[in-house]
Amino acid sequence: MLYEFKSRATGTVVMTGPVAEQVLAVAGKAPGPQGIFTVEQMGPAIAALQAAIERERTERGPDARDADRDGADEHEADGARSISLAQRAWPLMEMLRAARAADQSVTWGI
C-alpha cells in the first residue's frame, strides 16, 4: 500500500504504508485512507517530527547526524541497512514547510 501526499504548494510525496504510518503517528495524525494537515497543524507536526528525530539521534549515538547527512548508516549485525527516521521523514517535512509558507494544506490518500 502506498500513501500519496499532495499540496498545491509542492509536488507529490509517495511513501510506503509502514513508513507513512510511522511518520504520521509521530506527527500526531491517525494513519488512514485519507487525511489532511491544515496550515495550523503543520507547525506542531514539524516540531513533533524534529523532536523524534533528535531523540533517535541521541539513542543512536554521535555518528548518527553524519550518517543522516551522508545518506549512509551503520550496518546492523545482520548486514541490513538501517534507515533513520530523519531520512524517512525528510520529504514530508520539506513538503509541510513549503505548504505552510504558501498557506496551503497537505492532504493524503491511499
Protein backbone atom coordinates (compact mmCIF):
# COMPACT_ATOMS: atom_id res chain seq x y z
CA MET A 1 0.00 0.00 0.00
CA LEU A 2 1.26 3.49 -0.84
CA TYR A 3 0.39 6.84 0.70
CA GLU A 4 0.38 9.84 -1.61
CA PHE A 5 0.78 13.27 -0.02
CA LYS A 6 -0.28 16.28 -2.08
CA SER A 7 -0.30 20.05 -1.77
CA ARG A 8 -0.95 22.88 -4.19
CA ALA A 9 2.32 24.42 -2.99
CA THR A 10 4.57 21.44 -3.82
CA GLY A 11 4.91 18.28 -5.80
CA THR A 12 3.72 14.91 -4.58
CA VAL A 13 5.42 12.75 -1.94
CA VAL A 14 4.81 9.00 -2.03
CA MET A 15 5.64 6.70 0.90
CA THR A 16 5.11 3.02 1.54
CA GLY A 17 2.39 2.19 4.04
CA PRO A 18 4.54 1.30 7.06
CA VAL A 19 6.80 4.34 6.63
CA ALA A 20 3.90 6.75 6.13
CA GLU A 21 2.05 5.32 9.11
CA GLN A 22 5.13 5.72 11.33
CA VAL A 23 5.69 9.31 10.19
CA LEU A 24 2.00 10.21 10.53
CA ALA A 25 1.84 8.76 14.05
CA VAL A 26 4.89 10.76 15.12
CA ALA A 27 3.36 13.89 13.55
CA GLY A 28 0.21 13.39 15.63
CA LYS A 29 -2.05 12.14 12.84
CA ALA A 30 -4.00 8.89 12.75
CA PRO A 31 -2.97 6.83 9.73
CA GLY A 32 -5.86 6.17 7.42
CA PRO A 33 -7.01 6.12 3.82
CA GLN A 34 -7.42 9.91 3.73
CA GLY A 35 -6.35 12.86 5.81
CA ILE A 36 -5.22 16.44 5.94
CA PHE A 37 -2.64 18.65 7.60
CA THR A 38 -4.14 22.11 7.90
CA VAL A 39 -1.78 25.07 7.93
CA GLU A 40 -2.38 25.43 11.68
CA GLN A 41 -1.40 21.79 12.29
CA MET A 42 1.85 21.92 10.35
CA GLY A 43 3.99 23.73 12.93
CA PRO A 44 3.24 21.22 15.72
CA ALA A 45 3.64 18.30 13.28
CA ILE A 46 7.06 19.53 12.13
CA ALA A 47 8.11 20.12 15.75
CA ALA A 48 7.00 16.61 16.77
CA LEU A 49 8.89 15.04 13.88
CA GLN A 50 12.01 17.07 14.66
CA ALA A 51 11.84 16.09 18.35
CA ALA A 52 11.50 12.40 17.43
CA ILE A 53 14.45 12.68 15.05
CA GLU A 54 16.59 14.26 17.78
CA ARG A 55 15.58 11.51 20.25
CA GLU A 56 16.54 8.86 17.70
CA ARG A 57 19.89 10.53 17.04
CA THR A 58 20.61 10.64 20.77
CA GLU A 59 19.80 6.94 21.08
CA ARG A 60 21.92 6.01 18.03
CA GLY A 61 24.96 7.90 19.20
CA PRO A 62 27.26 10.68 18.00
CA ASP A 63 27.75 9.36 14.44
CA ALA A 64 24.00 9.44 13.67
CA ARG A 65 23.95 13.05 12.41
CA ASP A 66 26.77 12.35 9.92
CA ALA A 67 25.06 9.16 8.76
CA ASP A 68 21.78 11.03 8.17
CA ARG A 69 23.55 13.78 6.23
CA ASP A 70 25.63 11.38 4.12
CA GLY A 71 22.67 9.12 3.33
CA ALA A 72 24.60 6.22 4.81
CA ASP A 73 24.05 4.49 8.08
CA GLU A 74 25.80 1.99 10.30
CA HIS A 75 25.26 -1.59 9.23
CA GLU A 76 23.48 -3.73 11.73
CA ALA A 77 24.81 -7.10 12.85
CA ASP A 78 22.86 -8.95 10.16
CA GLY A 79 24.22 -6.68 7.42
CA ALA A 80 20.92 -4.89 6.79
CA ARG A 81 21.00 -1.14 6.31
CA SER A 82 19.12 0.83 8.94
CA ILE A 83 17.16 3.81 7.62
CA SER A 84 16.76 6.63 10.12
CA LEU A 85 13.57 8.50 10.88
CA ALA A 86 15.29 11.65 9.60
CA GLN A 87 15.76 10.05 6.20
CA ARG A 88 12.21 8.73 6.11
CA ALA A 89 10.50 11.92 7.33
CA TRP A 90 12.57 14.48 5.40
CA PRO A 91 10.41 14.58 2.21
CA LEU A 92 7.20 15.12 4.18
CA MET A 93 8.81 17.66 6.49
CA GLU A 94 10.02 19.67 3.49
CA MET A 95 6.55 19.46 1.97
CA LEU A 96 4.95 20.67 5.22
CA ARG A 97 7.38 23.59 5.45
CA ALA A 98 6.77 24.68 1.86
CA ALA A 99 2.99 24.29 2.14
CA ARG A 100 2.93 26.21 5.41
CA ALA A 101 4.93 29.06 3.84
CA ALA A 102 2.43 29.14 0.95
CA ASP A 103 -0.57 28.90 3.30
CA GLN A 104 -1.74 25.64 1.66
CA SER A 105 -2.91 22.38 3.24
CA VAL A 106 -1.36 18.95 2.68
CA THR A 107 -3.69 16.04 2.04
CA TRP A 108 -3.05 12.34 1.70
CA GLY A 109 -4.78 9.33 0.27
CA ILE A 110 -4.10 5.69 -0.32
